[in-house]
Amino acid sequence: MPRYFLDFQDGEMWLRDEEGQEYDSLQAARDAAIAALPDIGREAPPADGRRAFVAYVRDEGGARLCTVRLDLAAECDPDGSHP
């Protein structure tokens, strides 16, 4: 079974997977990255309400095979003038 590595980026913060995990396929590894991003997005947002989370799926040779992105944008209209 192939081993894939899931690295995560949140702005300047990087979390590099040094151990990896075996998945049945590249799609299974990609799905694991997709499933992990919403949990990371639960952290407190920055003052501007915008944040981009990225996961990279690498193979054992270090090649990036997938990029998964979750963009968060919160907008407020305190006057209520926009529908």
N, C-alpha and C. Protein backbone atom coordinates (compact mmCIF):
# COMPACT_ATOMS: atom_id res chain seq x y z
N MET A 1 0.86 -1.18 0.00
CA MET A 1 0.00 0.00 0.00
C MET A 1 0.90 1.24 0.00
N PRO A 2 0.60 2.22 -0.84
CA PRO A 2 1.47 3.40 -0.91
C PRO A 2 1.35 4.29 0.34
N ARG A 3 2.44 4.94 0.65
CA ARG A 3 2.50 5.87 1.78
C ARG A 3 2.44 7.30 1.23
N TYR A 4 1.56 8.09 1.83
CA TYR A 4 1.42 9.49 1.45
C TYR A 4 1.64 10.36 2.67
N PHE A 5 2.05 11.59 2.43
CA PHE A 5 2.34 12.55 3.48
C PHE A 5 1.42 13.75 3.28
N LEU A 6 0.79 14.20 4.38
CA LEU A 6 -0.14 15.33 4.33
C LEU A 6 0.49 16.51 5.07
N ASP A 7 0.88 17.52 4.34
CA ASP A 7 1.44 18.75 4.91
C ASP A 7 0.36 19.81 4.93
N PHE A 8 0.36 20.64 5.96
CA PHE A 8 -0.66 21.68 6.09
C PHE A 8 0.00 23.04 6.25
N GLN A 9 -0.63 24.04 5.63
CA GLN A 9 -0.16 25.42 5.73
C GLN A 9 -1.33 26.31 6.13
N ASP A 10 -1.09 27.15 7.11
CA ASP A 10 -2.07 28.14 7.56
C ASP A 10 -1.32 29.47 7.60
N GLY A 11 -1.37 30.21 6.51
CA GLY A 11 -0.61 31.46 6.43
C GLY A 11 0.88 31.15 6.49
N GLU A 12 1.54 31.69 7.48
CA GLU A 12 2.97 31.48 7.64
C GLU A 12 3.30 30.17 8.37
N MET A 13 2.32 29.55 8.99
CA MET A 13 2.55 28.35 9.78
C MET A 13 2.51 27.10 8.88
N TRP A 14 3.51 26.27 8.99
CA TRP A 14 3.59 25.02 8.25
C TRP A 14 3.62 23.84 9.21
N LEU A 15 2.92 22.79 8.87
CA LEU A 15 2.99 21.54 9.62
C LEU A 15 3.37 20.46 8.60
N ARG A 16 4.60 20.01 8.68
CA ARG A 16 5.11 19.02 7.71
C ARG A 16 4.97 17.63 8.30
N ASP A 17 4.36 16.76 7.54
CA ASP A 17 4.16 15.36 7.94
C ASP A 17 5.46 14.60 7.70
N GLU A 18 6.10 14.15 8.75
CA GLU A 18 7.36 13.43 8.63
C GLU A 18 7.18 11.91 8.61
N GLU A 19 6.01 11.43 9.05
CA GLU A 19 5.79 9.99 9.15
C GLU A 19 4.97 9.42 8.01
N GLY A 20 4.00 10.17 7.54
CA GLY A 20 3.12 9.68 6.48
C GLY A 20 2.17 8.62 6.97
N GLN A 21 1.35 8.18 6.06
CA GLN A 21 0.36 7.15 6.38
C GLN A 21 0.04 6.39 5.10
N GLU A 22 -0.28 5.14 5.25
CA GLU A 22 -0.64 4.33 4.10
C GLU A 22 -2.10 4.54 3.75
N TYR A 23 -2.36 4.77 2.48
CA TYR A 23 -3.72 4.92 1.96
C TYR A 23 -3.87 4.00 0.76
N ASP A 24 -5.09 3.58 0.51
CA ASP A 24 -5.36 2.69 -0.61
C ASP A 24 -5.03 3.32 -1.96
N SER A 25 -5.18 4.64 -2.02
CA SER A 25 -5.01 5.33 -3.29
C SER A 25 -4.70 6.79 -3.04
N LEU A 26 -4.30 7.48 -4.10
CA LEU A 26 -4.09 8.92 -4.01
C LEU A 26 -5.40 9.62 -3.66
N GLN A 27 -6.50 9.17 -4.21
CA GLN A 27 -7.79 9.79 -3.90
C GLN A 27 -8.13 9.64 -2.42
N ALA A 28 -7.79 8.52 -1.82
CA ALA A 28 -8.04 8.33 -0.38
C ALA A 28 -7.19 9.31 0.44
N ALA A 29 -5.95 9.53 0.03
CA ALA A 29 -5.09 10.50 0.72
C ALA A 29 -5.64 11.90 0.54
N ARG A 30 -6.07 12.21 -0.68
CA ARG A 30 -6.68 13.53 -0.94
C ARG A 30 -7.92 13.72 -0.08
N ASP A 31 -8.76 12.71 0.03
CA ASP A 31 -9.97 12.80 0.85
C ASP A 31 -9.63 13.02 2.32
N ALA A 32 -8.54 12.43 2.80
CA ALA A 32 -8.11 12.65 4.19
C ALA A 32 -7.69 14.10 4.40
N ALA A 33 -7.03 14.67 3.41
CA ALA A 33 -6.63 16.09 3.49
C ALA A 33 -7.86 16.98 3.50
N ILE A 34 -8.83 16.67 2.65
CA ILE A 34 -10.08 17.44 2.61
C ILE A 34 -10.79 17.38 3.96
N ALA A 35 -10.85 16.20 4.54
CA ALA A 35 -11.54 16.02 5.82
C ALA A 35 -10.85 16.76 6.97
N ALA A 36 -9.54 16.93 6.90
CA ALA A 36 -8.79 17.58 7.98
C ALA A 36 -8.91 19.10 7.96
N LEU A 37 -9.10 19.70 6.81
CA LEU A 37 -9.08 21.17 6.73
C LEU A 37 -10.17 21.86 7.54
N PRO A 38 -11.42 21.39 7.57
CA PRO A 38 -12.41 22.09 8.40
C PRO A 38 -12.05 22.13 9.88
N ASP A 39 -11.38 21.09 10.40
CA ASP A 39 -10.96 21.11 11.80
C ASP A 39 -9.92 22.20 12.05
N ILE A 40 -9.01 22.36 11.12
CA ILE A 40 -8.00 23.41 11.25
C ILE A 40 -8.67 24.78 11.18
N GLY A 41 -9.71 24.92 10.37
CA GLY A 41 -10.41 26.19 10.21
C GLY A 41 -11.21 26.63 11.40
N ARG A 42 -11.34 25.79 12.42
CA ARG A 42 -12.10 26.16 13.62
C ARG A 42 -11.33 27.07 14.57
N GLU A 43 -10.06 27.26 14.31
CA GLU A 43 -9.26 28.15 15.15
C GLU A 43 -9.72 29.59 14.97
N ALA A 44 -9.39 30.43 15.91
CA ALA A 44 -9.83 31.83 15.87
C ALA A 44 -9.36 32.52 14.60
N PRO A 45 -10.26 33.23 13.91
CA PRO A 45 -9.88 33.90 12.66
C PRO A 45 -9.10 35.18 12.94
N PRO A 46 -8.35 35.64 11.96
CA PRO A 46 -7.66 36.93 12.11
C PRO A 46 -8.67 38.07 12.08
N ALA A 47 -8.21 39.26 12.42
CA ALA A 47 -9.10 40.42 12.52
C ALA A 47 -9.83 40.74 11.22
N ASP A 48 -9.18 40.50 10.07
CA ASP A 48 -9.83 40.82 8.80
C ASP A 48 -10.83 39.75 8.35
N GLY A 49 -10.93 38.64 9.08
CA GLY A 49 -11.91 37.61 8.78
C GLY A 49 -11.55 36.74 7.57
N ARG A 50 -10.34 36.84 7.11
CA ARG A 50 -9.93 36.06 5.93
C ARG A 50 -8.77 35.13 6.30
N ARG A 51 -8.87 33.94 5.74
CA ARG A 51 -7.84 32.96 6.03
C ARG A 51 -7.81 31.92 4.92
N ALA A 52 -6.66 31.44 4.60
CA ALA A 52 -6.51 30.39 3.59
C ALA A 52 -5.76 29.23 4.21
N PHE A 53 -6.34 28.06 4.13
CA PHE A 53 -5.73 26.84 4.63
C PHE A 53 -5.41 25.97 3.42
N VAL A 54 -4.22 25.38 3.42
CA VAL A 54 -3.81 24.55 2.29
C VAL A 54 -3.25 23.24 2.83
N ALA A 55 -3.62 22.15 2.15
CA ALA A 55 -3.03 20.84 2.44
C ALA A 55 -2.37 20.36 1.16
N TYR A 56 -1.21 19.76 1.33
CA TYR A 56 -0.49 19.18 0.20
C TYR A 56 -0.33 17.69 0.45
N VAL A 57 -0.59 16.90 -0.56
CA VAL A 57 -0.37 15.46 -0.48
C VAL A 57 0.91 15.15 -1.24
N ARG A 58 1.87 14.54 -0.55
CA ARG A 58 3.14 14.17 -1.16
C ARG A 58 3.28 12.65 -1.20
N ASP A 59 4.06 12.18 -2.17
CA ASP A 59 4.39 10.76 -2.20
C ASP A 59 5.68 10.53 -1.43
N GLU A 60 6.14 9.29 -1.39
CA GLU A 60 7.34 8.95 -0.61
C GLU A 60 8.60 9.62 -1.15
N GLY A 61 8.59 10.00 -2.41
CA GLY A 61 9.74 10.70 -2.99
C GLY A 61 9.71 12.19 -2.76
N GLY A 62 8.63 12.70 -2.15
CA GLY A 62 8.52 14.12 -1.84
C GLY A 62 7.79 14.94 -2.90
N ALA A 63 7.33 14.30 -3.96
CA ALA A 63 6.61 15.03 -5.02
C ALA A 63 5.21 15.39 -4.55
N ARG A 64 4.81 16.63 -4.77
CA ARG A 64 3.44 17.06 -4.45
C ARG A 64 2.49 16.54 -5.52
N LEU A 65 1.52 15.78 -5.07
CA LEU A 65 0.57 15.17 -6.00
C LEU A 65 -0.79 15.86 -5.98
N CYS A 66 -1.14 16.47 -4.85
CA CYS A 66 -2.44 17.16 -4.72
C CYS A 66 -2.26 18.41 -3.87
N THR A 67 -3.04 19.41 -4.19
CA THR A 67 -3.15 20.61 -3.37
C THR A 67 -4.63 20.80 -3.08
N VAL A 68 -4.95 20.91 -1.79
CA VAL A 68 -6.33 21.11 -1.35
C VAL A 68 -6.38 22.43 -0.61
N ARG A 69 -7.32 23.30 -0.99
CA ARG A 69 -7.39 24.64 -0.39
C ARG A 69 -8.78 24.87 0.20
N LEU A 70 -8.78 25.49 1.37
CA LEU A 70 -10.02 25.94 2.00
C LEU A 70 -9.84 27.41 2.30
N ASP A 71 -10.64 28.26 1.65
CA ASP A 71 -10.58 29.70 1.87
C ASP A 71 -11.74 30.13 2.75
N LEU A 72 -11.43 30.93 3.75
CA LEU A 72 -12.43 31.44 4.67
C LEU A 72 -12.49 32.96 4.51
N ALA A 73 -13.69 33.47 4.28
CA ALA A 73 -13.88 34.92 4.17
C ALA A 73 -15.17 35.27 4.90
N ALA A 74 -15.06 36.09 5.92
CA ALA A 74 -16.23 36.55 6.67
C ALA A 74 -16.40 38.04 6.44
N GLU A 75 -17.59 38.42 6.00
CA GLU A 75 -17.88 39.83 5.74
C GLU A 75 -19.10 40.24 6.55
N CYS A 76 -19.03 41.40 7.13
CA CYS A 76 -20.13 41.93 7.93
C CYS A 76 -20.58 43.28 7.36
N ASP A 77 -21.87 43.54 7.49
CA ASP A 77 -22.45 44.80 7.06
C ASP A 77 -23.21 45.36 8.26
N PRO A 78 -22.54 46.12 9.13
CA PRO A 78 -23.18 46.58 10.35
C PRO A 78 -24.39 47.48 10.12
N ASP A 79 -24.47 48.11 8.94
CA ASP A 79 -25.61 48.97 8.65
C ASP A 79 -26.78 48.20 8.07
N GLY A 80 -26.53 46.98 7.62
CA GLY A 80 -27.58 46.18 7.01
C GLY A 80 -28.05 46.73 5.68
N SER A 81 -27.22 47.49 4.99
CA SER A 81 -27.65 48.15 3.75
C SER A 81 -27.46 47.27 2.52
N HIS A 82 -26.78 46.15 2.66
CA HIS A 82 -26.58 45.27 1.51
C HIS A 82 -27.47 44.03 1.67
N PRO A 83 -28.22 43.69 0.63
CA PRO A 83 -29.11 42.52 0.73
C PRO A 83 -28.36 41.22 0.84
